[in-house]
Amino acid sequence: MTIIDLWLPVAAATLVMFAASAVIWTVFKWHNADYRRLADEAGARAGLTGNPPGFYLLPYCVDPKELEQAEVRQKYEQGPIGYITMLPNGVPPMGAKMVTMFVYFLVVSILCAYVVSRTLHADADYLAVFRVAGTVTFIANSFALVPESIWFGRPWRMTARNFLDALIYSLLAGGVFGWLV
């Protein structure tokens, strides 16, 4: 079995994961609870105006040696401390984001097909394929987020919800691969 032989499971798994993602975000909306409103949104917006898109650190300190300076330590002790992602102004381009997400699921499906093609024989049973494909897609959709919670303050509850998404994607993709291989 080659990765080329798995084009149908790749296509189907991509579509199923993309559809599941759309349902999670537009019907179930459990990620809405991940976001909080700032106490003074207008003041924060005014203070952030003029910064180009990028990832910002507050207070700004990229060299641990700077923490030895009293004024830098005081900023950390007084707070606030945060990471800010600034996006371009304007309504987010949902079409482009959806296409990019589809491509992401396609890449995950191709990587899954690669592992399946290298670890299983063409006559592998449903459960063996399900197990490998499901594990690969779960890992691909989940574990990269853990360092965000460890190092950058992403709430663990948010990461847990993303793990739930990954579990759903992996069960669906594993089922599709198991059925079509």
N, C-alpha and C. Protein backbone atom coordinates (compact mmCIF):
# COMPACT_ATOMS: atom_id res chain seq x y z
N MET A 1 0.86 -1.17 0.00
CA MET A 1 0.00 0.00 0.00
C MET A 1 0.90 1.24 0.00
N THR A 2 0.60 2.17 -0.90
CA THR A 2 1.36 3.42 -0.97
C THR A 2 0.46 4.57 -0.57
N ILE A 3 1.08 5.70 -0.34
CA ILE A 3 0.30 6.88 0.02
C ILE A 3 -0.65 7.28 -1.11
N ILE A 4 -0.24 7.02 -2.35
CA ILE A 4 -1.10 7.33 -3.51
C ILE A 4 -2.36 6.47 -3.48
N ASP A 5 -2.24 5.22 -3.02
CA ASP A 5 -3.40 4.34 -2.92
C ASP A 5 -4.44 4.87 -1.94
N LEU A 6 -4.03 5.78 -1.08
CA LEU A 6 -4.91 6.26 -0.01
C LEU A 6 -5.53 7.63 -0.32
N TRP A 7 -5.59 7.99 -1.59
CA TRP A 7 -6.14 9.30 -1.94
C TRP A 7 -7.60 9.45 -1.50
N LEU A 8 -8.39 8.38 -1.61
CA LEU A 8 -9.80 8.48 -1.24
C LEU A 8 -9.97 8.69 0.27
N PRO A 9 -9.30 7.89 1.13
CA PRO A 9 -9.40 8.18 2.56
C PRO A 9 -8.87 9.57 2.92
N VAL A 10 -7.81 10.02 2.23
CA VAL A 10 -7.28 11.36 2.48
C VAL A 10 -8.35 12.41 2.18
N ALA A 11 -8.97 12.31 1.02
CA ALA A 11 -10.00 13.28 0.63
C ALA A 11 -11.19 13.22 1.58
N ALA A 12 -11.65 12.02 1.89
CA ALA A 12 -12.83 11.87 2.75
C ALA A 12 -12.54 12.34 4.17
N ALA A 13 -11.38 11.99 4.72
CA ALA A 13 -11.04 12.41 6.08
C ALA A 13 -10.90 13.93 6.15
N THR A 14 -10.33 14.53 5.12
CA THR A 14 -10.21 15.99 5.07
C THR A 14 -11.59 16.63 5.12
N LEU A 15 -12.50 16.14 4.30
CA LEU A 15 -13.85 16.70 4.26
C LEU A 15 -14.58 16.50 5.58
N VAL A 16 -14.44 15.33 6.17
CA VAL A 16 -15.14 15.02 7.42
C VAL A 16 -14.60 15.88 8.57
N MET A 17 -13.28 16.02 8.66
CA MET A 17 -12.72 16.86 9.73
C MET A 17 -13.11 18.32 9.53
N PHE A 18 -13.07 18.79 8.29
CA PHE A 18 -13.46 20.18 8.01
C PHE A 18 -14.92 20.41 8.38
N ALA A 19 -15.79 19.48 8.01
CA ALA A 19 -17.22 19.61 8.34
C ALA A 19 -17.43 19.58 9.85
N ALA A 20 -16.73 18.69 10.54
CA ALA A 20 -16.85 18.62 12.00
C ALA A 20 -16.40 19.93 12.64
N SER A 21 -15.32 20.48 12.13
CA SER A 21 -14.83 21.76 12.65
C SER A 21 -15.88 22.86 12.46
N ALA A 22 -16.49 22.88 11.30
CA ALA A 22 -17.53 23.88 11.03
C ALA A 22 -18.70 23.72 11.99
N VAL A 23 -19.11 22.49 12.25
CA VAL A 23 -20.22 22.25 13.18
C VAL A 23 -19.83 22.66 14.60
N ILE A 24 -18.62 22.31 15.01
CA ILE A 24 -18.15 22.67 16.35
C ILE A 24 -18.19 24.18 16.55
N TRP A 25 -17.71 24.92 15.56
CA TRP A 25 -17.59 26.38 15.70
C TRP A 25 -18.89 27.12 15.42
N THR A 26 -19.78 26.58 14.60
CA THR A 26 -20.98 27.34 14.23
C THR A 26 -22.26 26.83 14.89
N VAL A 27 -22.28 25.58 15.30
CA VAL A 27 -23.49 25.02 15.92
C VAL A 27 -23.30 24.86 17.43
N PHE A 28 -22.28 24.12 17.83
CA PHE A 28 -22.06 23.87 19.26
C PHE A 28 -21.49 25.09 19.96
N LYS A 29 -20.60 25.81 19.32
CA LYS A 29 -20.02 27.07 19.81
C LYS A 29 -19.41 26.97 21.21
N TRP A 30 -18.87 25.80 21.58
CA TRP A 30 -18.31 25.69 22.92
C TRP A 30 -17.03 26.50 23.08
N HIS A 31 -16.43 26.93 21.99
CA HIS A 31 -15.23 27.75 22.10
C HIS A 31 -15.56 29.21 22.44
N ASN A 32 -16.82 29.61 22.33
CA ASN A 32 -17.18 30.98 22.72
C ASN A 32 -16.80 31.26 24.17
N ALA A 33 -16.84 30.24 25.01
CA ALA A 33 -16.49 30.40 26.42
C ALA A 33 -14.99 30.59 26.63
N ASP A 34 -14.19 30.42 25.59
CA ASP A 34 -12.74 30.57 25.72
C ASP A 34 -12.31 32.04 25.78
N TYR A 35 -13.17 32.94 25.37
CA TYR A 35 -12.78 34.34 25.22
C TYR A 35 -13.45 35.21 26.27
N ARG A 36 -12.69 36.19 26.78
CA ARG A 36 -13.20 37.09 27.80
C ARG A 36 -13.08 38.53 27.33
N ARG A 37 -13.97 39.35 27.83
CA ARG A 37 -13.95 40.78 27.50
C ARG A 37 -13.02 41.49 28.49
N LEU A 38 -12.23 42.43 27.99
CA LEU A 38 -11.38 43.24 28.85
C LEU A 38 -12.23 44.19 29.68
N ALA A 39 -11.74 44.53 30.87
CA ALA A 39 -12.48 45.43 31.76
C ALA A 39 -12.68 46.80 31.10
N ASP A 40 -11.69 47.28 30.35
CA ASP A 40 -11.80 48.56 29.65
C ASP A 40 -11.39 48.33 28.20
N GLU A 41 -12.30 47.74 27.43
CA GLU A 41 -11.99 47.42 26.04
C GLU A 41 -11.65 48.68 25.24
N ALA A 42 -12.40 49.76 25.46
CA ALA A 42 -12.14 50.99 24.71
C ALA A 42 -10.76 51.54 25.04
N GLY A 43 -10.39 51.52 26.30
CA GLY A 43 -9.06 52.00 26.70
C GLY A 43 -7.96 51.12 26.14
N ALA A 44 -8.17 49.81 26.17
CA ALA A 44 -7.17 48.88 25.63
C ALA A 44 -7.02 49.10 24.12
N ARG A 45 -8.14 49.27 23.43
CA ARG A 45 -8.08 49.51 21.98
C ARG A 45 -7.33 50.80 21.68
N ALA A 46 -7.61 51.84 22.46
CA ALA A 46 -6.91 53.11 22.25
C ALA A 46 -5.41 52.96 22.49
N GLY A 47 -5.05 52.22 23.52
CA GLY A 47 -3.64 52.02 23.83
C GLY A 47 -2.90 51.16 22.82
N LEU A 48 -3.62 50.27 22.17
CA LEU A 48 -2.99 49.36 21.20
C LEU A 48 -3.00 49.90 19.78
N THR A 49 -3.79 50.93 19.53
CA THR A 49 -3.87 51.51 18.19
C THR A 49 -2.48 51.96 17.73
N GLY A 50 -2.18 51.65 16.49
CA GLY A 50 -0.90 52.06 15.92
C GLY A 50 0.13 50.96 15.89
N ASN A 51 -0.13 49.87 16.60
CA ASN A 51 0.80 48.75 16.56
C ASN A 51 0.47 47.88 15.35
N PRO A 52 1.48 47.53 14.57
CA PRO A 52 1.22 46.68 13.40
C PRO A 52 0.88 45.25 13.83
N PRO A 53 0.30 44.46 12.94
CA PRO A 53 0.02 43.06 13.27
C PRO A 53 1.29 42.36 13.75
N GLY A 54 1.11 41.52 14.76
CA GLY A 54 2.24 40.79 15.32
C GLY A 54 1.88 40.22 16.67
N PHE A 55 2.87 39.63 17.31
CA PHE A 55 2.70 39.01 18.63
C PHE A 55 3.51 39.84 19.62
N TYR A 56 2.84 40.35 20.64
CA TYR A 56 3.46 41.29 21.58
C TYR A 56 3.52 40.70 22.99
N LEU A 57 4.51 41.14 23.73
CA LEU A 57 4.75 40.70 25.10
C LEU A 57 4.60 41.91 26.01
N LEU A 58 3.84 41.76 27.09
CA LEU A 58 3.61 42.83 28.04
C LEU A 58 3.86 42.34 29.45
N PRO A 59 4.79 42.89 30.20
CA PRO A 59 5.77 43.88 29.80
C PRO A 59 6.81 43.26 28.85
N TYR A 60 7.35 44.11 28.00
CA TYR A 60 8.33 43.63 27.02
C TYR A 60 9.64 43.30 27.73
N CYS A 61 10.03 42.02 27.62
CA CYS A 61 11.27 41.54 28.23
C CYS A 61 11.64 40.24 27.54
N VAL A 62 12.59 40.29 26.61
CA VAL A 62 12.97 39.09 25.87
C VAL A 62 14.30 38.51 26.33
N ASP A 63 14.99 39.22 27.20
CA ASP A 63 16.27 38.75 27.73
C ASP A 63 16.12 38.52 29.23
N PRO A 64 16.25 37.28 29.71
CA PRO A 64 16.09 37.02 31.14
C PRO A 64 16.99 37.88 32.03
N LYS A 65 18.10 38.37 31.50
CA LYS A 65 18.98 39.24 32.29
C LYS A 65 18.28 40.54 32.67
N GLU A 66 17.31 40.96 31.84
CA GLU A 66 16.57 42.19 32.14
C GLU A 66 15.75 42.05 33.42
N LEU A 67 15.42 40.82 33.81
CA LEU A 67 14.64 40.60 35.03
C LEU A 67 15.42 40.98 36.28
N GLU A 68 16.73 41.16 36.14
CA GLU A 68 17.55 41.60 37.27
C GLU A 68 17.37 43.09 37.55
N GLN A 69 16.84 43.83 36.58
CA GLN A 69 16.62 45.26 36.75
C GLN A 69 15.35 45.48 37.58
N ALA A 70 15.45 46.34 38.58
CA ALA A 70 14.34 46.58 39.50
C ALA A 70 13.09 47.06 38.77
N GLU A 71 13.25 47.95 37.78
CA GLU A 71 12.07 48.49 37.09
C GLU A 71 11.34 47.42 36.28
N VAL A 72 12.08 46.49 35.71
CA VAL A 72 11.46 45.40 34.95
C VAL A 72 10.74 44.45 35.90
N ARG A 73 11.39 44.08 37.00
CA ARG A 73 10.76 43.20 37.99
C ARG A 73 9.48 43.84 38.54
N GLN A 74 9.54 45.15 38.77
CA GLN A 74 8.38 45.85 39.30
C GLN A 74 7.20 45.77 38.32
N LYS A 75 7.48 45.91 37.02
CA LYS A 75 6.41 45.79 36.02
C LYS A 75 5.76 44.42 36.08
N TYR A 76 6.57 43.38 36.27
CA TYR A 76 6.01 42.02 36.37
C TYR A 76 5.21 41.85 37.65
N GLU A 77 5.72 42.40 38.74
CA GLU A 77 5.02 42.24 40.02
C GLU A 77 3.70 43.01 40.04
N GLN A 78 3.68 44.19 39.42
CA GLN A 78 2.46 45.00 39.41
C GLN A 78 1.46 44.54 38.35
N GLY A 79 1.97 43.95 37.25
CA GLY A 79 1.10 43.52 36.17
C GLY A 79 0.56 44.69 35.40
N PRO A 80 -0.24 44.48 34.41
CA PRO A 80 -0.62 43.16 33.92
C PRO A 80 0.50 42.52 33.10
N ILE A 81 0.40 41.20 32.97
CA ILE A 81 1.33 40.42 32.17
C ILE A 81 0.49 39.75 31.08
N GLY A 82 0.97 39.82 29.87
CA GLY A 82 0.17 39.21 28.82
C GLY A 82 0.90 39.06 27.51
N TYR A 83 0.27 38.29 26.65
CA TYR A 83 0.69 38.11 25.27
C TYR A 83 -0.46 38.61 24.42
N ILE A 84 -0.15 39.46 23.47
CA ILE A 84 -1.19 40.07 22.66
C ILE A 84 -0.93 39.75 21.20
N THR A 85 -1.92 39.22 20.53
CA THR A 85 -1.83 39.00 19.09
C THR A 85 -2.61 40.10 18.40
N MET A 86 -1.93 40.88 17.59
CA MET A 86 -2.58 41.96 16.84
C MET A 86 -2.76 41.48 15.40
N LEU A 87 -3.98 41.61 14.90
CA LEU A 87 -4.32 41.22 13.53
C LEU A 87 -4.51 42.47 12.69
N PRO A 88 -4.51 42.33 11.38
CA PRO A 88 -4.78 43.49 10.53
C PRO A 88 -6.20 44.02 10.79
N ASN A 89 -6.37 45.32 10.65
CA ASN A 89 -7.70 45.92 10.82
C ASN A 89 -8.65 45.39 9.75
N GLY A 90 -9.92 45.38 10.08
CA GLY A 90 -10.96 44.95 9.14
C GLY A 90 -11.61 43.66 9.61
N VAL A 91 -12.74 43.38 9.00
CA VAL A 91 -13.46 42.14 9.31
C VAL A 91 -12.58 40.96 8.89
N PRO A 92 -12.41 39.98 9.78
CA PRO A 92 -11.55 38.83 9.43
C PRO A 92 -12.04 38.16 8.14
N PRO A 93 -11.13 37.84 7.24
CA PRO A 93 -11.49 37.21 5.96
C PRO A 93 -11.84 35.73 6.14
N MET A 94 -13.10 35.46 6.44
CA MET A 94 -13.50 34.09 6.77
C MET A 94 -13.24 33.11 5.64
N GLY A 95 -13.43 33.53 4.41
CA GLY A 95 -13.19 32.63 3.28
C GLY A 95 -11.75 32.15 3.25
N ALA A 96 -10.82 33.08 3.39
CA ALA A 96 -9.40 32.71 3.37
C ALA A 96 -9.04 31.83 4.57
N LYS A 97 -9.61 32.14 5.72
CA LYS A 97 -9.33 31.32 6.92
C LYS A 97 -9.89 29.90 6.75
N MET A 98 -11.07 29.79 6.15
CA MET A 98 -11.66 28.47 5.94
C MET A 98 -10.85 27.66 4.93
N VAL A 99 -10.38 28.30 3.88
CA VAL A 99 -9.53 27.61 2.91
C VAL A 99 -8.25 27.13 3.59
N THR A 100 -7.65 27.98 4.41
CA THR A 100 -6.42 27.61 5.11
C THR A 100 -6.68 26.44 6.07
N MET A 101 -7.82 26.45 6.74
CA MET A 101 -8.16 25.35 7.64
C MET A 101 -8.36 24.06 6.86
N PHE A 102 -8.99 24.15 5.70
CA PHE A 102 -9.17 22.98 4.85
C PHE A 102 -7.81 22.41 4.44
N VAL A 103 -6.90 23.29 4.05
CA VAL A 103 -5.55 22.85 3.67
C VAL A 103 -4.85 22.20 4.87
N TYR A 104 -5.04 22.76 6.06
CA TYR A 104 -4.47 22.16 7.27
C TYR A 104 -4.98 20.72 7.44
N PHE A 105 -6.29 20.53 7.35
CA PHE A 105 -6.85 19.18 7.49
C PHE A 105 -6.36 18.26 6.37
N LEU A 106 -6.17 18.79 5.19
CA LEU A 106 -5.61 18.00 4.09
C LEU A 106 -4.19 17.54 4.41
N VAL A 107 -3.37 18.43 4.93
CA VAL A 107 -2.00 18.06 5.31
C VAL A 107 -2.01 17.01 6.41
N VAL A 108 -2.87 17.18 7.42
CA VAL A 108 -2.99 16.17 8.48
C VAL A 108 -3.40 14.83 7.88
N SER A 109 -4.34 14.83 6.96
CA SER A 109 -4.79 13.58 6.33
C SER A 109 -3.69 12.93 5.50
N ILE A 110 -2.91 13.74 4.81
CA ILE A 110 -1.79 13.19 4.03
C ILE A 110 -0.74 12.59 4.95
N LEU A 111 -0.42 13.27 6.04
CA LEU A 111 0.54 12.71 7.01
C LEU A 111 0.00 11.42 7.63
N CYS A 112 -1.29 11.41 7.90
CA CYS A 112 -1.93 10.21 8.42
C CYS A 112 -1.80 9.07 7.42
N ALA A 113 -2.08 9.36 6.15
CA ALA A 113 -1.97 8.34 5.10
C ALA A 113 -0.54 7.83 5.00
N TYR A 114 0.41 8.70 5.14
CA TYR A 114 1.82 8.28 5.08
C TYR A 114 2.11 7.27 6.19
N VAL A 115 1.70 7.59 7.42
CA VAL A 115 1.97 6.67 8.54
C VAL A 115 1.22 5.36 8.34
N VAL A 116 -0.03 5.43 7.91
CA VAL A 116 -0.81 4.21 7.64
C VAL A 116 -0.12 3.37 6.57
N SER A 117 0.34 4.01 5.51
CA SER A 117 0.97 3.26 4.40
C SER A 117 2.30 2.64 4.81
N ARG A 118 2.98 3.22 5.78
CA ARG A 118 4.28 2.72 6.20
C ARG A 118 4.17 1.69 7.33
N THR A 119 3.05 1.66 8.04
CA THR A 119 2.94 0.79 9.22
C THR A 119 1.98 -0.38 9.06
N LEU A 120 1.10 -0.31 8.08
CA LEU A 120 0.09 -1.36 7.92
C LEU A 120 0.16 -1.98 6.54
N HIS A 121 -0.28 -3.22 6.46
CA HIS A 121 -0.38 -3.91 5.17
C HIS A 121 -1.72 -3.59 4.53
N ALA A 122 -1.81 -3.79 3.24
CA ALA A 122 -3.05 -3.50 2.51
C ALA A 122 -4.23 -4.31 3.02
N ASP A 123 -3.98 -5.46 3.63
CA ASP A 123 -5.07 -6.30 4.13
C ASP A 123 -5.35 -6.07 5.62
N ALA A 124 -4.87 -4.96 6.17
CA ALA A 124 -5.11 -4.67 7.59
C ALA A 124 -6.61 -4.53 7.85
N ASP A 125 -7.04 -4.99 9.02
CA ASP A 125 -8.46 -4.92 9.34
C ASP A 125 -8.85 -3.50 9.78
N TYR A 126 -10.15 -3.28 9.84
CA TYR A 126 -10.71 -1.96 10.17
C TYR A 126 -10.11 -1.40 11.45
N LEU A 127 -10.10 -2.20 12.51
CA LEU A 127 -9.66 -1.69 13.81
C LEU A 127 -8.19 -1.29 13.80
N ALA A 128 -7.36 -2.04 13.10
CA ALA A 128 -5.93 -1.69 13.03
C ALA A 128 -5.75 -0.34 12.33
N VAL A 129 -6.46 -0.16 11.22
CA VAL A 129 -6.36 1.11 10.49
C VAL A 129 -6.95 2.24 11.32
N PHE A 130 -8.09 2.00 11.94
CA PHE A 130 -8.74 3.00 12.80
C PHE A 130 -7.79 3.46 13.90
N ARG A 131 -7.14 2.50 14.52
CA ARG A 131 -6.24 2.79 15.64
C ARG A 131 -5.08 3.69 15.19
N VAL A 132 -4.42 3.33 14.10
CA VAL A 132 -3.27 4.11 13.63
C VAL A 132 -3.72 5.48 13.12
N ALA A 133 -4.72 5.50 12.27
CA ALA A 133 -5.19 6.77 11.70
C ALA A 133 -5.74 7.70 12.78
N GLY A 134 -6.50 7.14 13.70
CA GLY A 134 -7.05 7.95 14.78
C GLY A 134 -5.98 8.52 15.68
N THR A 135 -4.98 7.71 15.99
CA THR A 135 -3.88 8.19 16.84
C THR A 135 -3.10 9.30 16.16
N VAL A 136 -2.78 9.11 14.89
CA VAL A 136 -2.01 10.13 14.16
C VAL A 136 -2.80 11.44 14.08
N THR A 137 -4.07 11.37 13.74
CA THR A 137 -4.84 12.61 13.62
C THR A 137 -5.06 13.26 14.98
N PHE A 138 -5.19 12.46 16.04
CA PHE A 138 -5.32 13.05 17.37
C PHE A 138 -4.06 13.80 17.76
N ILE A 139 -2.92 13.17 17.57
CA ILE A 139 -1.65 13.83 17.91
C ILE A 139 -1.46 15.09 17.07
N ALA A 140 -1.75 15.00 15.78
CA ALA A 140 -1.56 16.15 14.89
C ALA A 140 -2.45 17.33 15.26
N ASN A 141 -3.64 17.05 15.78
CA ASN A 141 -4.59 18.12 16.08
C ASN A 141 -4.58 18.59 17.53
N SER A 142 -3.72 18.02 18.38
CA SER A 142 -3.84 18.36 19.79
C SER A 142 -2.55 18.78 20.48
N PHE A 143 -1.55 17.97 20.48
CA PHE A 143 -0.43 18.16 21.40
C PHE A 143 0.40 19.41 21.16
N ALA A 144 0.38 19.97 19.98
CA ALA A 144 1.15 21.20 19.74
C ALA A 144 0.61 22.37 20.56
N LEU A 145 -0.61 22.25 21.07
CA LEU A 145 -1.21 23.33 21.84
C LEU A 145 -0.76 23.34 23.30
N VAL A 146 -0.25 22.23 23.80
CA VAL A 146 0.13 22.14 25.21
C VAL A 146 1.19 23.18 25.59
N PRO A 147 2.25 23.38 24.80
CA PRO A 147 3.22 24.41 25.17
C PRO A 147 2.62 25.82 25.24
N GLU A 148 1.55 26.07 24.50
CA GLU A 148 0.88 27.37 24.59
C GLU A 148 0.33 27.60 26.00
N SER A 149 -0.17 26.54 26.63
CA SER A 149 -0.67 26.66 28.00
C SER A 149 0.48 26.71 29.00
N ILE A 150 1.51 25.94 28.75
CA ILE A 150 2.65 25.92 29.67
C ILE A 150 3.38 27.26 29.68
N TRP A 151 3.69 27.78 28.51
CA TRP A 151 4.58 28.94 28.42
C TRP A 151 3.88 30.27 28.20
N PHE A 152 2.73 30.28 27.55
CA PHE A 152 2.14 31.54 27.13
C PHE A 152 0.80 31.87 27.77
N GLY A 153 0.42 31.12 28.79
CA GLY A 153 -0.78 31.46 29.54
C GLY A 153 -2.10 31.12 28.90
N ARG A 154 -2.09 30.36 27.81
CA ARG A 154 -3.37 29.94 27.23
C ARG A 154 -4.09 29.13 28.31
N PRO A 155 -5.32 29.48 28.64
CA PRO A 155 -6.02 28.74 29.69
C PRO A 155 -6.09 27.24 29.37
N TRP A 156 -5.85 26.43 30.40
CA TRP A 156 -5.88 24.97 30.21
C TRP A 156 -7.26 24.51 29.76
N ARG A 157 -8.30 25.21 30.19
CA ARG A 157 -9.66 24.86 29.77
C ARG A 157 -9.80 25.02 28.25
N MET A 158 -9.15 26.04 27.70
CA MET A 158 -9.17 26.26 26.25
C MET A 158 -8.44 25.13 25.54
N THR A 159 -7.30 24.74 26.08
CA THR A 159 -6.54 23.63 25.50
C THR A 159 -7.35 22.34 25.60
N ALA A 160 -8.04 22.14 26.72
CA ALA A 160 -8.86 20.93 26.88
C ALA A 160 -9.98 20.89 25.83
N ARG A 161 -10.59 22.03 25.55
CA ARG A 161 -11.63 22.05 24.51
C ARG A 161 -11.04 21.71 23.15
N ASN A 162 -9.83 22.19 22.90
CA ASN A 162 -9.17 21.84 21.63
C ASN A 162 -8.84 20.36 21.58
N PHE A 163 -8.51 19.77 22.72
CA PHE A 163 -8.29 18.32 22.77
C PHE A 163 -9.59 17.57 22.47
N LEU A 164 -10.72 18.10 22.94
CA LEU A 164 -12.00 17.48 22.63
C LEU A 164 -12.26 17.56 21.12
N ASP A 165 -11.99 18.70 20.53
CA ASP A 165 -12.10 18.82 19.07
C ASP A 165 -11.23 17.76 18.39
N ALA A 166 -9.98 17.66 18.85
CA ALA A 166 -9.04 16.71 18.25
C ALA A 166 -9.54 15.27 18.39
N LEU A 167 -10.15 14.96 19.52
CA LEU A 167 -10.70 13.61 19.71
C LEU A 167 -11.81 13.34 18.70
N ILE A 168 -12.68 14.32 18.50
CA ILE A 168 -13.76 14.16 17.52
C ILE A 168 -13.17 13.97 16.13
N TYR A 169 -12.22 14.83 15.75
CA TYR A 169 -11.59 14.70 14.43
C TYR A 169 -10.93 13.34 14.27
N SER A 170 -10.26 12.88 15.33
CA SER A 170 -9.53 11.60 15.22
C SER A 170 -10.48 10.42 15.11
N LEU A 171 -11.59 10.45 15.82
CA LEU A 171 -12.56 9.36 15.70
C LEU A 171 -13.16 9.33 14.30
N LEU A 172 -13.47 10.50 13.77
CA LEU A 172 -14.03 10.56 12.42
C LEU A 172 -13.00 10.14 11.37
N ALA A 173 -11.80 10.70 11.45
CA ALA A 173 -10.76 10.35 10.46
C ALA A 173 -10.36 8.89 10.58
N GLY A 174 -10.23 8.39 11.81
CA GLY A 174 -9.91 6.98 12.00
C GLY A 174 -10.98 6.09 11.40
N GLY A 175 -12.25 6.47 11.61
CA GLY A 175 -13.35 5.71 11.03
C GLY A 175 -13.34 5.72 9.51
N VAL A 176 -13.07 6.88 8.94
CA VAL A 176 -13.02 7.00 7.48
C VAL A 176 -11.88 6.16 6.91
N PHE A 177 -10.70 6.28 7.50
CA PHE A 177 -9.56 5.49 7.01
C PHE A 177 -9.84 3.99 7.18
N GLY A 178 -10.37 3.61 8.35
CA GLY A 178 -10.67 2.20 8.58
C GLY A 178 -11.66 1.65 7.57
N TRP A 179 -12.64 2.44 7.21
CA TRP A 179 -13.68 2.04 6.27
C TRP A 179 -13.16 1.96 4.85
N LEU A 180 -12.32 2.94 4.44
CA LEU A 180 -11.92 3.04 3.04
C LEU A 180 -10.59 2.39 2.68
N VAL A 181 -9.83 1.97 3.68
CA VAL A 181 -8.52 1.33 3.36
C VAL A 181 -8.74 -0.14 3.10
